[in-house]
Amino acid sequence: MLSAVIFDLDGVLADSEPWWSQIDATLLAEYGVTYRGEYHQNVVGVSYRFVVEFYKKAFALSAPTEEMMRRRGEIATEFFANRVDLFPNVKEVLEELRQMKLHLAVATSSVSASARPFLDRHQLTGFFEVIVTGEEVERGKPAPDSYLCAAEKLGIPVDKCLVVEDALPGVAAGKAAKMRVAAIPDRRFVDPREYEKEADYVLGSLKELPTVIHSLGLISRGTP
């Protein structure tokens, strides 16, 4: 049976994917690169280190990786603090899951300086028993580290955890952690058919999640 739901942040709770190309354009402009989001699909849902190393190779940049990671975090922090909004129905869904007596956590590739103020600004922090951010784990997604860390902090076995993701690297991370994965592809950017063989469940929106959990018998019917 299911005991915990572990959420990705970007693209699941935060409607942030449209902003990441602007964040990265701002970053790359500091290094003399004009970027228009042409590599967005290559850097969705992965660690800051992976993103920076990808851009360094793509644009033949020699700047230190750690420096670029730090600047990306600083730029993202400003965007998350002032511009990024929630997807519809987030609070209602989290409240419904909490009423089901499920333990809730976040496992994100974003750094704490952007993720935690965002959750605070939208009054979501109180829903989550555990929040794991990108700098807390050695390997970012698609490695399973962030999801394994969240389960360990919750004290819940991996086979009782459900991951909610929007990006294929995140889906891969959840599966590598031996957890079930519900994918919510952002149809503005990806073809949901690509997820059908990768995730256990493919949803049209976050609003469908409580119904799916009940209909698949993942929790007791007697749970409030």
Protein backbone atom coordinates (compact mmCIF):
# COMPACT_ATOMS: atom_id res chain seq x y z
CA MET A 1 0.00 0.00 0.00
CA LEU A 2 1.01 3.63 -0.43
CA SER A 3 2.33 5.67 2.51
CA ALA A 4 4.04 8.67 0.91
CA VAL A 5 3.92 10.91 -2.14
CA ILE A 6 7.17 12.64 -3.14
CA PHE A 7 6.80 15.58 -5.51
CA ASP A 8 9.20 17.15 -7.92
CA LEU A 9 8.92 20.94 -7.73
CA ASP A 10 9.62 22.37 -11.18
CA GLY A 11 6.86 21.55 -13.61
CA VAL A 12 4.73 19.72 -11.02
CA LEU A 13 3.95 22.23 -8.29
CA ALA A 14 5.69 25.28 -9.74
CA ASP A 15 4.73 26.40 -13.23
CA SER A 16 8.39 27.17 -13.79
CA GLU A 17 9.33 25.46 -17.05
CA PRO A 18 8.40 28.49 -19.21
CA TRP A 19 10.82 30.55 -17.09
CA TRP A 20 13.89 28.34 -17.20
CA SER A 21 14.86 29.39 -20.72
CA GLN A 22 14.79 33.01 -19.52
CA ILE A 23 16.84 32.11 -16.44
CA ASP A 24 19.41 30.38 -18.61
CA ALA A 25 19.39 33.17 -21.20
CA THR A 26 20.20 35.60 -18.39
CA LEU A 27 22.98 33.34 -17.17
CA LEU A 28 24.53 32.74 -20.58
CA ALA A 29 24.37 36.43 -21.52
CA GLU A 30 26.87 37.04 -18.71
CA TYR A 31 29.27 34.81 -20.64
CA GLY A 32 28.66 36.43 -24.02
CA VAL A 33 26.14 33.90 -25.34
CA THR A 34 22.80 34.76 -26.95
CA TYR A 35 20.43 31.97 -25.96
CA ARG A 36 16.82 31.57 -27.10
CA GLY A 37 15.88 28.35 -25.37
CA GLU A 38 16.93 26.08 -28.21
CA TYR A 39 18.30 23.47 -25.78
CA HIS A 40 15.40 23.54 -23.33
CA GLN A 41 14.53 19.87 -23.87
CA ASN A 42 18.12 18.86 -23.16
CA VAL A 43 18.16 20.44 -19.70
CA VAL A 44 14.68 19.76 -18.30
CA GLY A 45 14.56 18.02 -14.95
CA VAL A 46 18.29 17.48 -14.42
CA SER A 47 20.86 18.77 -11.95
CA TYR A 48 22.43 22.22 -12.10
CA ARG A 49 25.81 20.60 -12.70
CA PHE A 50 24.49 18.66 -15.69
CA VAL A 51 22.91 21.83 -17.13
CA VAL A 52 26.03 23.94 -16.73
CA GLU A 53 28.31 21.27 -18.16
CA PHE A 54 25.93 20.87 -21.10
CA TYR A 55 26.00 24.61 -21.83
CA LYS A 56 29.76 24.80 -21.45
CA LYS A 57 30.15 22.11 -24.10
CA ALA A 58 27.41 23.47 -26.38
CA PHE A 59 28.78 27.02 -26.36
CA ALA A 60 32.49 26.24 -25.84
CA LEU A 61 32.63 28.12 -22.53
CA SER A 62 35.67 27.93 -20.27
CA ALA A 63 34.16 29.49 -17.14
CA PRO A 64 34.41 27.41 -13.95
CA THR A 65 31.46 25.04 -13.49
CA GLU A 66 31.02 25.96 -9.82
CA GLU A 67 30.87 29.65 -10.69
CA MET A 68 28.19 29.11 -13.33
CA MET A 69 26.19 26.87 -11.01
CA ARG A 70 26.29 29.56 -8.33
CA ARG A 71 25.12 32.26 -10.75
CA ARG A 72 22.34 30.05 -12.11
CA GLY A 73 21.14 29.55 -8.56
CA GLU A 74 21.22 33.28 -7.83
CA ILE A 75 19.28 34.12 -11.00
CA ALA A 76 16.77 31.35 -10.38
CA THR A 77 16.26 32.57 -6.82
CA GLU A 78 15.12 35.97 -8.11
CA PHE A 79 12.72 34.39 -10.62
CA PHE A 80 11.23 31.99 -8.07
CA ALA A 81 10.90 34.76 -5.50
CA ASN A 82 9.03 37.14 -7.77
CA ARG A 83 7.70 35.57 -10.96
CA VAL A 84 7.05 31.82 -10.84
CA ASP A 85 3.50 30.84 -9.93
CA LEU A 86 1.76 27.64 -8.88
CA PHE A 87 -0.12 25.31 -11.16
CA PRO A 88 -3.90 25.31 -10.60
CA ASN A 89 -5.33 23.20 -7.77
CA VAL A 90 -2.00 22.54 -6.04
CA LYS A 91 -3.18 23.43 -2.54
CA GLU A 92 -6.46 21.57 -2.95
CA VAL A 93 -4.66 18.41 -4.07
CA LEU A 94 -2.11 18.58 -1.25
CA GLU A 95 -4.88 19.06 1.28
CA GLU A 96 -6.79 16.09 -0.13
CA LEU A 97 -3.70 13.88 0.05
CA ARG A 98 -3.09 14.99 3.61
CA GLN A 99 -6.67 14.03 4.44
CA MET A 100 -5.80 10.56 3.12
CA LYS A 101 -3.12 10.42 5.86
CA LEU A 102 -0.33 10.26 3.29
CA HIS A 103 3.13 11.59 4.10
CA LEU A 104 4.21 14.32 1.67
CA ALA A 105 7.70 15.38 0.56
CA VAL A 106 9.46 17.40 -2.14
CA ALA A 107 12.61 16.24 -3.95
CA THR A 108 13.85 18.87 -6.38
CA SER A 109 16.94 19.58 -8.46
CA SER A 110 16.52 23.28 -7.63
CA VAL A 111 18.73 24.72 -4.94
CA SER A 112 17.38 25.54 -1.50
CA ALA A 113 17.78 29.29 -2.02
CA SER A 114 15.14 29.24 -4.78
CA ALA A 115 12.96 26.26 -3.78
CA ARG A 116 12.31 27.06 -0.13
CA PRO A 117 11.35 30.76 -0.57
CA PHE A 118 9.02 29.70 -3.38
CA LEU A 119 7.29 27.16 -1.14
CA ASP A 120 7.09 29.74 1.64
CA ARG A 121 5.71 32.46 -0.66
CA HIS A 122 2.91 30.18 -1.82
CA GLN A 123 2.26 28.86 1.69
CA LEU A 124 3.09 25.26 0.77
CA THR A 125 5.94 24.51 3.17
CA GLY A 126 3.63 23.27 5.91
CA PHE A 127 2.27 20.50 3.71
CA PHE A 128 5.63 18.73 3.49
CA GLU A 129 7.38 16.73 6.17
CA VAL A 130 10.59 16.61 4.12
CA ILE A 131 12.11 18.91 1.48
CA VAL A 132 15.22 17.69 -0.37
CA THR A 133 16.97 20.22 -2.62
CA GLY A 134 19.62 19.80 -5.28
CA GLU A 135 22.69 20.60 -3.22
CA GLU A 136 21.82 17.98 -0.58
CA VAL A 137 22.63 14.99 -2.79
CA GLU A 138 25.79 13.94 -4.58
CA ARG A 139 24.11 12.99 -7.85
CA GLY A 140 21.23 14.84 -9.45
CA LYS A 141 18.39 13.36 -11.48
CA PRO A 142 18.22 10.99 -13.36
CA ALA A 143 20.16 9.38 -10.50
CA PRO A 144 17.82 8.25 -7.70
CA ASP A 145 19.64 10.04 -4.87
CA SER A 146 17.09 12.79 -4.18
CA TYR A 147 14.16 10.37 -3.98
CA LEU A 148 16.09 7.89 -1.86
CA CYS A 149 17.09 10.73 0.46
CA ALA A 150 13.46 11.85 0.81
CA ALA A 151 12.26 8.33 1.60
CA GLU A 152 15.04 7.87 4.16
CA LYS A 153 14.18 11.15 5.87
CA LEU A 154 10.50 10.17 5.91
CA GLY A 155 11.40 6.76 7.30
CA ILE A 156 9.23 5.05 4.68
CA PRO A 157 10.26 2.08 2.47
CA VAL A 158 10.68 2.87 -1.22
CA ASP A 159 7.96 0.42 -2.26
CA LYS A 160 5.45 2.51 -0.30
CA CYS A 161 6.39 5.76 -2.07
CA LEU A 162 4.85 7.34 -5.16
CA VAL A 163 6.88 9.90 -7.11
CA VAL A 164 5.14 12.69 -9.06
CA GLU A 165 7.26 14.04 -11.94
CA ASP A 166 6.94 16.03 -15.15
CA ALA A 167 10.30 15.33 -16.85
CA LEU A 168 11.70 12.07 -18.18
CA PRO A 169 14.97 12.35 -16.19
CA GLY A 170 12.87 12.70 -13.05
CA VAL A 171 10.74 9.70 -14.03
CA ALA A 172 13.97 7.75 -14.51
CA ALA A 173 15.16 8.90 -11.07
CA GLY A 174 11.97 7.66 -9.42
CA LYS A 175 12.13 4.30 -11.19
CA ALA A 176 15.82 3.94 -10.30
CA ALA A 177 14.80 4.46 -6.67
CA LYS A 178 12.41 1.49 -7.07
CA MET A 179 9.38 3.69 -6.53
CA ARG A 180 6.16 3.94 -8.49
CA VAL A 181 6.01 7.05 -10.66
CA ALA A 182 3.06 9.18 -11.79
CA ALA A 183 4.06 11.47 -14.64
CA ILE A 184 2.34 14.74 -15.51
CA PRO A 185 3.90 15.73 -18.86
CA ASP A 186 3.71 19.42 -19.65
CA ARG A 187 2.05 19.23 -23.03
CA ARG A 188 3.36 22.68 -23.93
CA PHE A 189 6.85 21.23 -24.18
CA VAL A 190 6.70 17.43 -24.56
CA ASP A 191 4.76 14.62 -26.21
CA PRO A 192 2.99 12.67 -23.44
CA ARG A 193 3.24 9.48 -25.51
CA GLU A 194 6.96 9.43 -24.69
CA TYR A 195 6.04 8.79 -21.06
CA GLU A 196 3.74 5.82 -21.49
CA LYS A 197 6.49 3.19 -21.31
CA GLU A 198 8.55 5.03 -18.70
CA ALA A 199 6.07 5.94 -15.95
CA ASP A 200 3.61 3.74 -14.10
CA TYR A 201 0.82 6.28 -14.54
CA VAL A 202 0.46 9.22 -16.93
CA LEU A 203 -1.88 12.00 -15.76
CA GLY A 204 -3.38 14.96 -17.55
CA SER A 205 -2.99 17.26 -14.53
CA LEU A 206 -2.16 17.23 -10.85
CA LYS A 207 -5.88 17.39 -10.07
CA GLU A 208 -6.22 13.77 -11.23
CA LEU A 209 -3.76 12.45 -8.64
CA PRO A 210 -6.09 11.78 -5.66
CA THR A 211 -8.60 9.99 -7.90
CA VAL A 212 -5.85 7.85 -9.43
CA ILE A 213 -4.53 6.92 -5.97
CA HIS A 214 -8.00 5.83 -4.88
CA SER A 215 -9.00 4.11 -8.14
CA LEU A 216 -5.84 2.02 -8.29
CA GLY A 217 -6.31 0.84 -4.74
CA LEU A 218 -3.01 2.33 -3.63
CA ILE A 219 -4.48 3.21 -0.24
CA SER A 220 -7.21 1.69 1.86
CA ARG A 221 -10.75 2.57 0.83
CA GLY A 222 -11.38 3.31 4.46
CA THR A 223 -8.84 6.11 4.57
CA PRO A 224 -10.61 9.46 5.13
